Amino acid sequence: MTNIEKNLNDDNRPVFAISVAAEMIGVSVHTLRAYETSGLILPQRTETHRRLYYSNDIERLRFIRMMIEERGLNIAGIKILLSLIPCWDLVGCSEKDRENCDAFTNMKEPCWIVKNTGDICKDEDCRLCPIYSNLSPFSDMKNFLKNHNLEQYNKTEKGL
C-alpha cells in the first residue's frame, strides 16, 4: 500500500478538500457550508482556514443526505433527531454533569453544538467523540432508543 493509499484510508487524518467532499456526496460546496453553519458537520480547518474532511465526515455526510433524501427531513429535523442521542449515558456523565450540561436539557441541538457542556466533555474535541464521529448506530433512531432504553431499564432493575 502506498503512502497516498494509507493517508486516504486513515480515518484520523483529514484529507478531503471541500470540493472533493462535495463531489463524493453529490452536493454543492454551498450545501456543505450550510451543513457546517448549522452544526451538522465539523470539518477540520488548516492554518489557512481551508476545510478538510475526514473519512468519517464523508460517512456522516452520507447519513445526512440519506435523512434528507430518503426520510424527508430538513436540517432542523436532523438536528432535533440527533439531539435525542443520550450522550450523557453513552459517555457516563454524572448527575452533576447533567445538571450543568445543555446537551442534557436542550432538545433542539446535538451535544457537539451546545455551548455549555459538563466537565467530562468541556475539553474534548467533538470530532473525536464517538457520539459525533459514528452516526451509524443512530441511522435507525427508533430502534437505537428502544434498545438503549431497554439497556437502561435492565441496569436499573439489576441495581447497577
Protein backbone atom coordinates (compact mmCIF):
# COMPACT_ATOMS: atom_id res chain seq x y z
CA MET A 1 0.00 0.00 0.00
CA THR A 2 1.43 3.39 -0.97
CA ASN A 3 1.62 6.40 1.34
CA ILE A 4 -1.21 8.04 -0.59
CA GLU A 5 -3.43 5.00 -0.06
CA LYS A 6 -2.53 4.90 3.64
CA ASN A 7 -3.36 8.59 4.04
CA LEU A 8 -6.68 8.25 2.20
CA ASN A 9 -7.66 5.28 4.36
CA ASP A 10 -6.60 6.89 7.67
CA ASP A 11 -9.82 7.81 9.47
CA ASN A 12 -7.82 10.01 11.85
CA ARG A 13 -6.46 12.25 9.14
CA PRO A 14 -8.46 14.90 7.30
CA VAL A 15 -7.63 14.51 3.64
CA PHE A 16 -10.58 15.67 1.54
CA ALA A 17 -10.94 19.29 0.45
CA ILE A 18 -14.46 20.71 0.44
CA SER A 19 -14.80 20.43 -3.34
CA VAL A 20 -13.78 16.75 -3.27
CA ALA A 21 -16.12 16.00 -0.35
CA ALA A 22 -19.00 17.75 -2.15
CA GLU A 23 -18.34 15.73 -5.31
CA MET A 24 -18.16 12.46 -3.34
CA ILE A 25 -21.56 13.13 -1.75
CA GLY A 26 -23.14 14.63 -4.84
CA VAL A 27 -23.92 18.06 -3.40
CA SER A 28 -22.62 21.57 -3.91
CA VAL A 29 -19.88 23.21 -1.89
CA HIS A 30 -22.53 25.69 -0.76
CA THR A 31 -24.58 22.80 0.70
CA LEU A 32 -21.59 21.56 2.71
CA ARG A 33 -21.06 25.07 4.04
CA ALA A 34 -24.74 25.17 5.05
CA TYR A 35 -24.32 21.87 6.92
CA GLU A 36 -21.29 23.32 8.70
CA THR A 37 -23.11 26.55 9.59
CA SER A 38 -25.98 24.53 11.04
CA GLY A 39 -23.57 22.40 13.08
CA LEU A 40 -24.26 19.08 11.37
CA ILE A 41 -20.63 18.74 10.30
CA LEU A 42 -17.40 19.93 11.90
CA PRO A 43 -14.66 19.91 9.27
CA GLN A 44 -11.06 20.34 10.32
CA ARG A 45 -9.56 23.73 9.48
CA THR A 46 -6.00 24.25 8.33
CA GLU A 47 -3.90 27.21 9.45
CA THR A 48 -5.07 28.99 6.30
CA HIS A 49 -8.72 28.18 7.21
CA ARG A 50 -9.25 25.64 4.41
CA ARG A 51 -11.80 22.97 5.27
CA LEU A 52 -10.59 19.39 5.29
CA TYR A 53 -12.82 16.39 5.83
CA TYR A 54 -12.08 13.04 7.48
CA SER A 55 -13.33 9.74 6.04
CA ASN A 56 -15.79 9.69 8.97
CA ASP A 57 -17.06 13.09 7.82
CA ILE A 58 -17.85 11.61 4.42
CA GLU A 59 -19.88 8.86 6.10
CA ARG A 60 -21.60 11.50 8.24
CA LEU A 61 -22.47 13.49 5.13
CA ARG A 62 -23.90 10.35 3.53
CA PHE A 63 -26.05 9.88 6.65
CA ILE A 64 -27.27 13.48 6.41
CA ARG A 65 -28.10 13.07 2.71
CA MET A 66 -29.97 9.83 3.45
CA MET A 67 -32.02 11.57 6.13
CA ILE A 68 -32.90 14.36 3.69
CA GLU A 69 -33.48 12.31 0.54
CA GLU A 70 -34.96 9.08 1.91
CA ARG A 71 -36.59 10.20 5.16
CA GLY A 72 -37.69 13.68 4.06
CA LEU A 73 -36.09 15.55 6.96
CA ASN A 74 -34.72 19.07 6.73
CA ILE A 75 -31.68 20.38 8.62
CA ALA A 76 -33.76 21.42 11.65
CA GLY A 77 -35.35 17.97 11.79
CA ILE A 78 -31.98 16.24 11.62
CA LYS A 79 -30.64 18.45 14.42
CA ILE A 80 -33.62 17.61 16.64
CA LEU A 81 -33.28 13.91 15.85
CA LEU A 82 -29.56 13.98 16.70
CA SER A 83 -30.27 15.92 19.91
CA LEU A 84 -32.16 12.84 21.14
CA ILE A 85 -28.97 10.79 21.30
CA PRO A 86 -28.44 10.22 25.03
CA CYS A 87 -24.77 11.23 25.00
CA TRP A 88 -24.86 11.72 28.79
CA ASP A 89 -25.47 7.99 29.23
CA LEU A 90 -23.11 6.89 26.48
CA VAL A 91 -20.14 8.84 27.87
CA GLY A 92 -21.09 8.26 31.51
CA CYS A 93 -21.95 11.73 32.80
CA SER A 94 -22.75 12.08 36.48
CA GLU A 95 -25.95 13.71 37.74
CA LYS A 96 -23.92 16.87 38.46
CA ASP A 97 -22.59 16.90 34.90
CA ARG A 98 -26.12 16.51 33.57
CA GLU A 99 -27.36 19.46 35.61
CA ASN A 100 -24.67 21.70 34.11
CA CYS A 101 -24.84 20.43 30.54
CA ASP A 102 -27.05 21.94 27.86
CA ALA A 103 -26.86 18.69 25.88
CA PHE A 104 -28.91 17.07 28.63
CA THR A 105 -31.54 19.81 28.78
CA ASN A 106 -31.54 21.20 25.23
CA MET A 107 -33.81 19.33 22.84
CA LYS A 108 -33.01 21.40 19.76
CA GLU A 109 -29.32 20.82 19.23
CA PRO A 110 -26.98 17.81 19.35
CA CYS A 111 -24.35 17.69 22.09
CA TRP A 112 -21.48 18.86 19.85
CA ILE A 113 -23.32 22.13 19.10
CA VAL A 114 -24.29 23.22 22.61
CA LYS A 115 -22.13 25.82 24.29
CA ASN A 116 -22.30 24.67 27.90
CA THR A 117 -21.13 21.10 28.41
CA GLY A 118 -20.43 19.10 31.54
CA ASP A 119 -16.97 18.51 32.97
CA ILE A 120 -16.46 15.28 31.03
CA CYS A 121 -16.80 16.97 27.63
CA LYS A 122 -15.64 20.53 28.19
CA ASP A 123 -12.07 19.94 26.98
CA GLU A 124 -12.87 17.31 24.36
CA ASP A 125 -12.65 17.73 20.60
CA CYS A 126 -16.13 16.74 19.45
CA ARG A 127 -14.73 15.39 16.18
CA LEU A 128 -13.08 12.62 18.19
CA CYS A 129 -16.11 11.78 20.32
CA PRO A 130 -17.88 8.53 19.34
CA ILE A 131 -21.24 10.32 19.61
CA TYR A 132 -20.22 12.68 16.81
CA SER A 133 -17.87 10.52 14.77
CA ASN A 134 -20.03 7.41 14.37
CA LEU A 135 -23.64 8.01 13.38
CA SER A 136 -24.30 4.51 12.05
CA PRO A 137 -25.99 3.26 15.26
CA PHE A 138 -28.32 6.24 15.11
CA SER A 139 -29.46 5.85 11.50
CA ASP A 140 -32.44 3.95 12.87
CA MET A 141 -33.09 6.19 15.86
CA LYS A 142 -36.25 4.41 16.95
CA ASN A 143 -34.52 1.05 17.36
CA PHE A 144 -31.46 2.67 18.91
CA LEU A 145 -33.56 4.46 21.54
CA LYS A 146 -35.68 1.36 22.15
CA ASN A 147 -32.56 -0.75 22.72
CA HIS A 148 -30.85 1.96 24.77
CA ASN A 149 -33.92 2.42 26.98
CA LEU A 150 -34.14 -1.36 27.42
CA GLU A 151 -30.47 -1.45 28.47
CA GLN A 152 -31.05 1.40 30.94
CA TYR A 153 -34.13 -0.38 32.30
CA ASN A 154 -32.19 -3.62 32.75
CA LYS A 155 -29.38 -1.80 34.57
CA THR A 156 -31.92 -0.16 36.90
CA GLU A 157 -33.64 -3.48 37.58
CA LYS A 158 -30.28 -5.11 38.42
CA GLY A 159 -29.29 -2.21 40.66
CA LEU A 160 -26.36 -1.09 38.52
